[in-house]
Every structure is written in C-alpha cells, then in structure tokens.
Amino acid sequence: MGLMIDSNARYVGRNEIAMVPTPVATASWKPVPHLDVIDAVTDVVKARNWTVLEEQYGLARDGQKMFGVIRINKSSSLEWSRCIGIRNSHDRTLAVGLTAGISVCVCSNLCFGGSMVLKRRHTSRIELEGLVTEAIDALGDEFLTLETVAEDLKLQYVRDDAARAAIVKAAEAGAVNSCDIVPVFREFKSPSHPEFEEPTRWSLLNAFTENAKKYSPARADVCHRGLTRLFGLDGNPPTLWK
C-alpha cells in the first residue's frame, strides 16, 4: 500500500504490535500503547459503517516508533481510495497523529494532507477514544482539500528543466535524499506506470512517492510531510514553484 520498510525497520501485524512494551508513565507523560491507537481508529471507522480495505504497519527504532496506513472505502474517485495515516511513539519524538491521505489505485503511492488532526503527546485510553472520534470527523474536510489539490495538479504541466529544479529544491528541503535526485527524475521521464506519462505536477508528485517506497517508515513520514508543503497538498500555495 506504499508503506515500505528498509533494513532498519520492519513490517508488522497487530499481534506483533501488541507485544511491544509500553514505557512506564510519569507524572507529566503518559505514553499510549501502539495497539490502543490502532484499535481506537479502526473502532471509530467501523462505527461509521466504513469498510477497512487494507491495513499496513511498520515499527522503527526497536518498536519505539509506529507508522501505519488504513485504507478505507470512503471515496467517490476511481483513481484513488482514501486512507488514514497513523503515527505514534514511545520515545517522546512524535505525538499521536492522524492525517488524511489517498492511495493511488494504479501504484499504491501514498499522498498525505497537511494537518495532523490528532496530535497529543500523552493521554489516557479513555481520552484517546474521544479524541479519535473528533479527529475522524475532522478528516472529512482534509480529504476534500487533498483530493481537490490532486485534481488540480493533473492539469498543470511541467517542463524538464522545471522538474529538475523542483527535485533539487525538494532535496534541499529534506523531502528526498540528495542521492535520489536522478532516480526521481528518471521516474518522472520514464514512469513505472503509463498513467503518469503526461508531464504534469501530478506525475512529478508520483515520481517522488514512487521513490519513497524504498524508505523506512520514519524517513517516508518526513518525505510525505515535506512533499505536502512543497506541492501544496494542505490547500496552501505550493512552495516548490516559487
């Protein structure tokens, strides 16, 4: 589904996630078990009569960080399905986070919106359930913004020189590794999927996300958040073309 794992991380299922120990809480910090976050999200999704089409999870840093994608049937588009990105950490580096996303049907590339609608560093299980309910409700507007921008990107053509400059700028911003400048451009010029043969901003974005499949969950998270701002997937003016 686009969540890729390198040698520093691994794909996991719910059973393995359940075995990850949760650190002892302190007076100021209450770590949330990874599985509690996942269960809270899927419970709310199912309560809305949405169907979970696919789930994918990864752990990094010996289980200290968890990243996941839940693909759901809530979409009217034939080109992509909506998905919910999840992240959590036990090392205080990431708050519990949910974000709206789309999974492109032809290639399973992932694109995410700009807002983490749930962002709490410590909470109880009871508080989490209420926060997730509010967050899922807020995702509706995020999905619409993301899909509107995606449709707009398909109408904007990009010349080769502009594409090269954009890829370098994305590397300078840390969205991709500098060693991936040439691979991303090659993917843009000779895409793995014929649906992206037209040289548009949408095709360029998918060249980036195709390349990001080789990243660890943690690196992919940084990549997607960087691309969100660069391409204006959050509904704000893109910074890539300034």
C-alpha atoms as a PDB file:
ATOM      1  CA  MET A   1       0.000   0.000   0.000  1.00  0.00           C
ATOM      2  CA  GLY A   2       3.037   2.248  -0.190  1.00  0.00           C
ATOM      3  CA  LEU A   3       4.370   1.891   3.359  1.00  0.00           C
ATOM      4  CA  MET A   4       7.805   0.463   2.730  1.00  0.00           C
ATOM      5  CA  ILE A   5      10.322  -0.940   5.175  1.00  0.00           C
ATOM      6  CA  ASP A   6      14.123  -0.901   4.978  1.00  0.00           C
ATOM      7  CA  SER A   7      16.719  -2.828   6.968  1.00  0.00           C
ATOM      8  CA  ASN A   8      16.294  -0.517   9.962  1.00  0.00           C
ATOM      9  CA  ALA A   9      12.568  -1.230  10.366  1.00  0.00           C
ATOM     10  CA  ARG A  10      10.061  -3.954   9.628  1.00  0.00           C
ATOM     11  CA  TYR A  11       6.512  -4.720   8.601  1.00  0.00           C
ATOM     12  CA  VAL A  12       4.406  -5.942  11.477  1.00  0.00           C
ATOM     13  CA  GLY A  13       0.889  -7.108  12.182  1.00  0.00           C
ATOM     14  CA  ARG A  14      -1.346  -6.345  15.106  1.00  0.00           C
ATOM     15  CA  ASN A  15      -0.116  -9.349  17.100  1.00  0.00           C
ATOM     16  CA  GLU A  16       3.474  -8.183  16.961  1.00  0.00           C
ATOM     17  CA  ILE A  17       2.477  -4.606  17.738  1.00  0.00           C
ATOM     18  CA  ALA A  18       0.638  -5.874  20.819  1.00  0.00           C
ATOM     19  CA  MET A  19       3.917  -7.369  22.076  1.00  0.00           C
ATOM     20  CA  VAL A  20       5.736  -4.025  22.036  1.00  0.00           C
ATOM     21  CA  PRO A  21       6.139  -2.932  25.672  1.00  0.00           C
ATOM     22  CA  THR A  22       4.797   0.471  26.601  1.00  0.00           C
ATOM     23  CA  PRO A  23       7.121   2.550  28.823  1.00  0.00           C
ATOM     24  CA  VAL A  24       6.079   3.344  32.359  1.00  0.00           C
ATOM     25  CA  ALA A  25       4.157   6.601  32.605  1.00  0.00           C
ATOM     26  CA  THR A  26       5.438   9.571  34.558  1.00  0.00           C
ATOM     27  CA  ALA A  27       3.601  12.436  36.186  1.00  0.00           C
ATOM     28  CA  SER A  28       3.926  14.526  33.018  1.00  0.00           C
ATOM     29  CA  TRP A  29       3.993  11.875  30.280  1.00  0.00           C
ATOM     30  CA  LYS A  30       1.556   9.042  29.585  1.00  0.00           C
ATOM     31  CA  PRO A  31       2.708   7.005  26.588  1.00  0.00           C
ATOM     32  CA  VAL A  32      -0.076   5.477  24.516  1.00  0.00           C
ATOM     33  CA  PRO A  33       0.277   1.804  23.538  1.00  0.00           C
ATOM     34  CA  HIS A  34       0.617   1.483  19.763  1.00  0.00           C
ATOM     35  CA  LEU A  35      -2.198  -1.043  19.574  1.00  0.00           C
ATOM     36  CA  ASP A  36      -4.558   1.231  21.515  1.00  0.00           C
ATOM     37  CA  VAL A  37      -4.115   3.910  18.863  1.00  0.00           C
ATOM     38  CA  ILE A  38      -4.823   1.446  16.054  1.00  0.00           C
ATOM     39  CA  ASP A  39      -7.841  -0.069  17.799  1.00  0.00           C
ATOM     40  CA  ALA A  40      -9.291   3.351  18.591  1.00  0.00           C
ATOM     41  CA  VAL A  41      -9.059   4.392  14.932  1.00  0.00           C
ATOM     42  CA  THR A  42     -10.489   1.198  13.457  1.00  0.00           C
ATOM     43  CA  ASP A  43     -13.316   1.153  16.013  1.00  0.00           C
ATOM     44  CA  VAL A  44     -14.397   4.661  15.005  1.00  0.00           C
ATOM     45  CA  VAL A  45     -14.043   3.863  11.296  1.00  0.00           C
ATOM     46  CA  LYS A  46     -16.258   0.788  11.635  1.00  0.00           C
ATOM     47  CA  ALA A  47     -18.784   2.692  13.754  1.00  0.00           C
ATOM     48  CA  ARG A  48     -19.299   4.952  10.741  1.00  0.00           C
ATOM     49  CA  ASN A  49     -20.010   1.915   8.565  1.00  0.00           C
ATOM     50  CA  TRP A  50     -16.851   2.443   6.542  1.00  0.00           C
ATOM     51  CA  THR A  51     -15.063  -0.659   5.333  1.00  0.00           C
ATOM     52  CA  VAL A  52     -11.392  -1.169   6.119  1.00  0.00           C
ATOM     53  CA  LEU A  53      -9.943  -2.347   2.804  1.00  0.00           C
ATOM     54  CA  GLU A  54      -6.359  -2.800   3.909  1.00  0.00           C
ATOM     55  CA  GLU A  55      -4.041  -2.106   6.831  1.00  0.00           C
ATOM     56  CA  GLN A  56      -0.278  -1.841   6.905  1.00  0.00           C
ATOM     57  CA  TYR A  57       2.012  -1.109   9.830  1.00  0.00           C
ATOM     58  CA  GLY A  58       5.696  -0.684  10.461  1.00  0.00           C
ATOM     59  CA  LEU A  59       7.891  -0.344  13.524  1.00  0.00           C
ATOM     60  CA  ALA A  60      11.137   1.550  13.750  1.00  0.00           C
ATOM     61  CA  ARG A  61      13.812   2.026  16.405  1.00  0.00           C
ATOM     62  CA  ASP A  62      13.135  -1.284  18.144  1.00  0.00           C
ATOM     63  CA  GLY A  63       9.420  -0.606  18.359  1.00  0.00           C
ATOM     64  CA  GLN A  64       9.768   2.906  19.726  1.00  0.00           C
ATOM     65  CA  LYS A  65       8.033   4.371  16.653  1.00  0.00           C
ATOM     66  CA  MET A  66       4.961   3.016  14.886  1.00  0.00           C
ATOM     67  CA  PHE A  67       3.645   4.109  11.494  1.00  0.00           C
ATOM     68  CA  GLY A  68       0.543   2.822   9.778  1.00  0.00           C
ATOM     69  CA  VAL A  69      -1.884   3.285   6.913  1.00  0.00           C
ATOM     70  CA  ILE A  70      -5.531   2.212   6.993  1.00  0.00           C
ATOM     71  CA  ARG A  71      -7.206   2.256   3.581  1.00  0.00           C
ATOM     72  CA  ILE A  72     -10.966   2.753   3.631  1.00  0.00           C
ATOM     73  CA  ASN A  73     -13.782   2.615   1.090  1.00  0.00           C
ATOM     74  CA  LYS A  74     -14.924   6.208   1.713  1.00  0.00           C
ATOM     75  CA  SER A  75     -14.202   7.772  -1.701  1.00  0.00           C
ATOM     76  CA  SER A  76     -16.081   8.546  -4.894  1.00  0.00           C
ATOM     77  CA  SER A  77     -12.937   8.521  -7.033  1.00  0.00           C
ATOM     78  CA  LEU A  78     -11.908   5.637  -9.264  1.00  0.00           C
ATOM     79  CA  GLU A  79      -8.289   6.817  -9.244  1.00  0.00           C
ATOM     80  CA  TRP A  80      -7.593   6.538  -5.541  1.00  0.00           C
ATOM     81  CA  SER A  81      -9.010   5.377  -2.253  1.00  0.00           C
ATOM     82  CA  ARG A  82      -8.964   7.373   0.934  1.00  0.00           C
ATOM     83  CA  CYS A  83      -6.674   6.318   3.723  1.00  0.00           C
ATOM     84  CA  ILE A  84      -5.762   7.408   7.218  1.00  0.00           C
ATOM     85  CA  GLY A  85      -2.143   7.786   8.194  1.00  0.00           C
ATOM     86  CA  ILE A  86      -1.246   6.925  11.799  1.00  0.00           C
ATOM     87  CA  ARG A  87       1.883   7.520  13.810  1.00  0.00           C
ATOM     88  CA  ASN A  88       2.829   7.071  17.443  1.00  0.00           C
ATOM     89  CA  SER A  89       5.998   6.883  19.510  1.00  0.00           C
ATOM     90  CA  HIS A  90       7.201   5.631  22.855  1.00  0.00           C
ATOM     91  CA  ASP A  91      10.342   7.776  22.860  1.00  0.00           C
ATOM     92  CA  ARG A  92       8.670  11.195  23.022  1.00  0.00           C
ATOM     93  CA  THR A  93       9.788  12.093  19.492  1.00  0.00           C
ATOM     94  CA  LEU A  94       6.312  12.008  17.914  1.00  0.00           C
ATOM     95  CA  ALA A  95       2.882  12.863  19.196  1.00  0.00           C
ATOM     96  CA  VAL A  96      -0.025  10.558  18.443  1.00  0.00           C
ATOM     97  CA  GLY A  97      -1.054  11.681  14.968  1.00  0.00           C
ATOM     98  CA  LEU A  98      -3.732  11.031  12.357  1.00  0.00           C
ATOM     99  CA  THR A  99      -3.765  12.537   8.891  1.00  0.00           C
ATOM    100  CA  ALA A 100      -5.877  12.257   5.751  1.00  0.00           C
ATOM    101  CA  GLY A 101      -4.357  10.514   2.760  1.00  0.00           C
ATOM    102  CA  ILE A 102      -5.067   8.970  -0.608  1.00  0.00           C
ATOM    103  CA  SER A 103      -3.671   5.755  -2.014  1.00  0.00           C
ATOM    104  CA  VAL A 104      -3.351   5.911  -5.802  1.00  0.00           C
ATOM    105  CA  CYS A 105      -5.008   2.777  -7.137  1.00  0.00           C
ATOM    106  CA  VAL A 106      -2.666   2.026 -10.028  1.00  0.00           C
ATOM    107  CA  CYS A 107       0.536   2.106  -7.996  1.00  0.00           C
ATOM    108  CA  SER A 108      -0.383   2.288  -4.300  1.00  0.00           C
ATOM    109  CA  ASN A 109       1.577   5.520  -3.966  1.00  0.00           C
ATOM    110  CA  LEU A 110       0.603   7.485  -0.884  1.00  0.00           C
ATOM    111  CA  CYS A 111      -0.099  11.208  -0.680  1.00  0.00           C
ATOM    112  CA  PHE A 112      -0.987  12.876   2.597  1.00  0.00           C
ATOM    113  CA  GLY A 113      -2.753  16.085   3.517  1.00  0.00           C
ATOM    114  CA  GLY A 114      -1.228  18.809   5.576  1.00  0.00           C
ATOM    115  CA  SER A 115      -2.790  18.544   9.009  1.00  0.00           C
ATOM    116  CA  MET A 116      -2.276  16.112  11.816  1.00  0.00           C
ATOM    117  CA  VAL A 117      -5.848  16.269  13.104  1.00  0.00           C
ATOM    118  CA  LEU A 118      -4.892  14.450  16.285  1.00  0.00           C
ATOM    119  CA  LYS A 119      -1.671  15.447  17.939  1.00  0.00           C
ATOM    120  CA  ARG A 120      -1.254  14.586  21.595  1.00  0.00           C
ATOM    121  CA  ARG A 121       1.927  13.504  23.343  1.00  0.00           C
ATOM    122  CA  HIS A 122       0.230  11.920  26.304  1.00  0.00           C
ATOM    123  CA  THR A 123      -3.315  10.859  27.047  1.00  0.00           C
ATOM    124  CA  SER A 124      -5.291   8.095  28.682  1.00  0.00           C
ATOM    125  CA  ARG A 125      -7.134   5.359  26.798  1.00  0.00           C
ATOM    126  CA  ILE A 126     -10.492   6.950  27.656  1.00  0.00           C
ATOM    127  CA  GLU A 127      -9.334  10.360  26.429  1.00  0.00           C
ATOM    128  CA  LEU A 128      -7.910   8.768  23.283  1.00  0.00           C
ATOM    129  CA  GLU A 129     -11.258   7.324  22.214  1.00  0.00           C
ATOM    130  CA  GLY A 130     -12.930  10.736  22.374  1.00  0.00           C
ATOM    131  CA  LEU A 131     -10.050  12.453  20.602  1.00  0.00           C
ATOM    132  CA  VAL A 132     -10.046   9.914  17.772  1.00  0.00           C
ATOM    133  CA  THR A 133     -13.784  10.377  17.246  1.00  0.00           C
ATOM    134  CA  GLU A 134     -13.277  14.138  16.892  1.00  0.00           C
ATOM    135  CA  ALA A 135     -10.268  13.592  14.645  1.00  0.00           C
ATOM    136  CA  ILE A 136     -12.069  11.255  12.244  1.00  0.00           C
ATOM    137  CA  ASP A 137     -14.865  13.816  11.930  1.00  0.00           C
ATOM    138  CA  ALA A 138     -12.289  16.491  11.094  1.00  0.00           C
ATOM    139  CA  LEU A 139     -10.707  14.307   8.411  1.00  0.00           C
ATOM    140  CA  GLY A 140     -13.663  14.913   6.098  1.00  0.00           C
ATOM    141  CA  ASP A 141     -12.533  18.428   5.184  1.00  0.00           C
ATOM    142  CA  GLU A 142      -8.925  17.259   4.943  1.00  0.00           C
ATOM    143  CA  PHE A 143      -9.865  14.575   2.406  1.00  0.00           C
ATOM    144  CA  LEU A 144     -11.729  17.087   0.254  1.00  0.00           C
ATOM    145  CA  THR A 145      -8.805  19.537   0.277  1.00  0.00           C
ATOM    146  CA  LEU A 146      -6.329  16.817  -0.634  1.00  0.00           C
ATOM    147  CA  GLU A 147      -8.474  15.451  -3.477  1.00  0.00           C
ATOM    148  CA  THR A 148      -9.152  18.940  -4.874  1.00  0.00           C
ATOM    149  CA  VAL A 149      -5.438  19.734  -4.988  1.00  0.00           C
ATOM    150  CA  ALA A 150      -4.690  16.354  -6.592  1.00  0.00           C
ATOM    151  CA  GLU A 151      -7.176  17.068  -9.389  1.00  0.00           C
ATOM    152  CA  ASP A 152      -5.592  20.487  -9.922  1.00  0.00           C
ATOM    153  CA  LEU A 153      -2.079  19.017 -10.132  1.00  0.00           C
ATOM    154  CA  LYS A 154      -3.164  16.849 -13.072  1.00  0.00           C
ATOM    155  CA  LEU A 155      -3.888  19.997 -15.117  1.00  0.00           C
ATOM    156  CA  GLN A 156      -0.515  21.695 -14.622  1.00  0.00           C
ATOM    157  CA  TYR A 157       2.267  20.683 -16.994  1.00  0.00           C
ATOM    158  CA  VAL A 158       5.951  20.718 -16.088  1.00  0.00           C
ATOM    159  CA  ARG A 159       8.921  21.170 -18.422  1.00  0.00           C
ATOM    160  CA  ASP A 160      12.040  19.068 -17.899  1.00  0.00           C
ATOM    161  CA  ASP A 161      14.157  21.960 -16.600  1.00  0.00           C
ATOM    162  CA  ALA A 162      11.440  22.938 -14.121  1.00  0.00           C
ATOM    163  CA  ALA A 163      11.164  19.325 -12.986  1.00  0.00           C
ATOM    164  CA  ARG A 164      14.923  19.097 -12.428  1.00  0.00           C
ATOM    165  CA  ALA A 165      14.914  22.318 -10.423  1.00  0.00           C
ATOM    166  CA  ALA A 166      11.930  21.159  -8.366  1.00  0.00           C
ATOM    167  CA  ILE A 167      13.589  17.854  -7.491  1.00  0.00           C
ATOM    168  CA  VAL A 168      16.766  19.619  -6.382  1.00  0.00           C
ATOM    169  CA  LYS A 169      14.681  22.009  -4.272  1.00  0.00           C
ATOM    170  CA  ALA A 170      12.870  19.043  -2.680  1.00  0.00           C
ATOM    171  CA  ALA A 171      16.255  17.516  -1.805  1.00  0.00           C
ATOM    172  CA  GLU A 172      17.412  20.802  -0.309  1.00  0.00           C
ATOM    173  CA  ALA A 173      14.234  20.837   1.794  1.00  0.00           C
ATOM    174  CA  GLY A 174      14.986  17.308   3.038  1.00  0.00           C
ATOM    175  CA  ALA A 175      11.916  15.729   1.433  1.00  0.00           C
ATOM    176  CA  VAL A 176      14.130  13.309  -0.523  1.00  0.00           C
ATOM    177  CA  ASN A 177      17.729  12.241  -0.193  1.00  0.00           C
ATOM    178  CA  SER A 178      20.210  14.014  -2.459  1.00  0.00           C
ATOM    179  CA  CYS A 179      21.189  10.661  -3.944  1.00  0.00           C
ATOM    180  CA  ASP A 180      17.599  10.291  -5.158  1.00  0.00           C
ATOM    181  CA  ILE A 181      17.578  13.385  -7.377  1.00  0.00           C
ATOM    182  CA  VAL A 182      18.452  11.419 -10.506  1.00  0.00           C
ATOM    183  CA  PRO A 183      16.180   8.418  -9.702  1.00  0.00           C
ATOM    184  CA  VAL A 184      13.182  10.719  -9.160  1.00  0.00           C
ATOM    185  CA  PHE A 185      13.839  12.499 -12.463  1.00  0.00           C
ATOM    186  CA  ARG A 186      14.184   9.172 -14.277  1.00  0.00           C
ATOM    187  CA  GLU A 187      10.872   8.040 -12.793  1.00  0.00           C
ATOM    188  CA  PHE A 188       9.280  11.283 -13.964  1.00  0.00           C
ATOM    189  CA  LYS A 189      10.635  10.852 -17.509  1.00  0.00           C
ATOM    190  CA  SER A 190      10.009   7.102 -17.730  1.00  0.00           C
ATOM    191  CA  PRO A 191       7.280   6.349 -15.201  1.00  0.00           C
ATOM    192  CA  SER A 192       6.714   2.819 -13.946  1.00  0.00           C
ATOM    193  CA  HIS A 193       3.023   3.258 -14.744  1.00  0.00           C
ATOM    194  CA  PRO A 194       1.699   4.632 -18.082  1.00  0.00           C
ATOM    195  CA  GLU A 195      -0.952   6.635 -16.240  1.00  0.00           C
ATOM    196  CA  PHE A 196       1.796   9.132 -15.336  1.00  0.00           C
ATOM    197  CA  GLU A 197       3.297   9.598 -18.808  1.00  0.00           C
ATOM    198  CA  GLU A 198       1.912  13.121 -19.156  1.00  0.00           C
ATOM    199  CA  PRO A 199       4.497  15.527 -17.665  1.00  0.00           C
ATOM    200  CA  THR A 200       2.280  17.143 -15.049  1.00  0.00           C
ATOM    201  CA  ARG A 201       2.790  18.143 -11.439  1.00  0.00           C
ATOM    202  CA  TRP A 202       0.688  15.104 -10.515  1.00  0.00           C
ATOM    203  CA  SER A 203       3.107  12.839 -12.375  1.00  0.00           C
ATOM    204  CA  LEU A 204       6.066  14.529 -10.708  1.00  0.00           C
ATOM    205  CA  LEU A 205       4.493  14.054  -7.277  1.00  0.00           C
ATOM    206  CA  ASN A 206       4.010  10.369  -8.035  1.00  0.00           C
ATOM    207  CA  ALA A 207       7.641  10.110  -9.147  1.00  0.00           C
ATOM    208  CA  PHE A 208       8.568  11.321  -5.666  1.00  0.00           C
ATOM    209  CA  THR A 209       6.187   8.959  -3.883  1.00  0.00           C
ATOM    210  CA  GLU A 210       7.231   6.007  -6.055  1.00  0.00           C
ATOM    211  CA  ASN A 211      10.811   6.644  -4.974  1.00  0.00           C
ATOM    212  CA  ALA A 212       9.702   6.983  -1.329  1.00  0.00           C
ATOM    213  CA  LYS A 213       8.543   3.365  -1.290  1.00  0.00           C
ATOM    214  CA  LYS A 214      12.114   2.303  -0.536  1.00  0.00           C
ATOM    215  CA  TYR A 215      12.311   4.487   2.576  1.00  0.00           C
ATOM    216  CA  SER A 216      11.832   3.340   6.119  1.00  0.00           C
ATOM    217  CA  PRO A 217       8.531   4.384   7.763  1.00  0.00           C
ATOM    218  CA  ALA A 218      10.265   7.158   9.679  1.00  0.00           C
ATOM    219  CA  ARG A 219      12.043   8.513   6.584  1.00  0.00           C
ATOM    220  CA  ALA A 220       8.877   8.172   4.498  1.00  0.00           C
ATOM    221  CA  ASP A 221       6.985  10.176   7.120  1.00  0.00           C
ATOM    222  CA  VAL A 222       9.476  13.030   6.724  1.00  0.00           C
ATOM    223  CA  CYS A 223       9.291  12.707   2.939  1.00  0.00           C
ATOM    224  CA  HIS A 224       5.499  12.833   2.765  1.00  0.00           C
ATOM    225  CA  ARG A 225       5.272  15.766   5.153  1.00  0.00           C
ATOM    226  CA  GLY A 226       7.840  17.630   3.064  1.00  0.00           C
ATOM    227  CA  LEU A 227       6.025  16.892  -0.196  1.00  0.00           C
ATOM    228  CA  THR A 228       2.752  18.028   1.347  1.00  0.00           C
ATOM    229  CA  ARG A 229       4.101  21.536   1.851  1.00  0.00           C
ATOM    230  CA  LEU A 230       6.113  21.645  -1.370  1.00  0.00           C
ATOM    231  CA  PHE A 231       3.163  20.621  -3.574  1.00  0.00           C
ATOM    232  CA  GLY A 232       0.503  22.477  -1.586  1.00  0.00           C
ATOM    233  CA  LEU A 233      -1.400  19.330  -0.628  1.00  0.00           C
ATOM    234  CA  ASP A 234      -2.503  21.130   2.518  1.00  0.00           C
ATOM    235  CA  GLY A 235      -4.503  23.625   0.467  1.00  0.00           C
ATOM    236  CA  ASN A 236      -1.974  26.421   0.854  1.00  0.00           C
ATOM    237  CA  PRO A 237       0.105  27.803  -2.052  1.00  0.00           C
ATOM    238  CA  PRO A 238       2.859  25.333  -3.010  1.00  0.00           C
ATOM    239  CA  THR A 239       6.408  26.326  -2.171  1.00  0.00           C
ATOM    240  CA  LEU A 240       8.067  24.154  -4.832  1.00  0.00           C
ATOM    241  CA  TRP A 241       7.449  26.564  -7.689  1.00  0.00           C
ATOM    242  CA  LYS A 242       8.414  29.864  -6.092  1.00  0.00           C
END
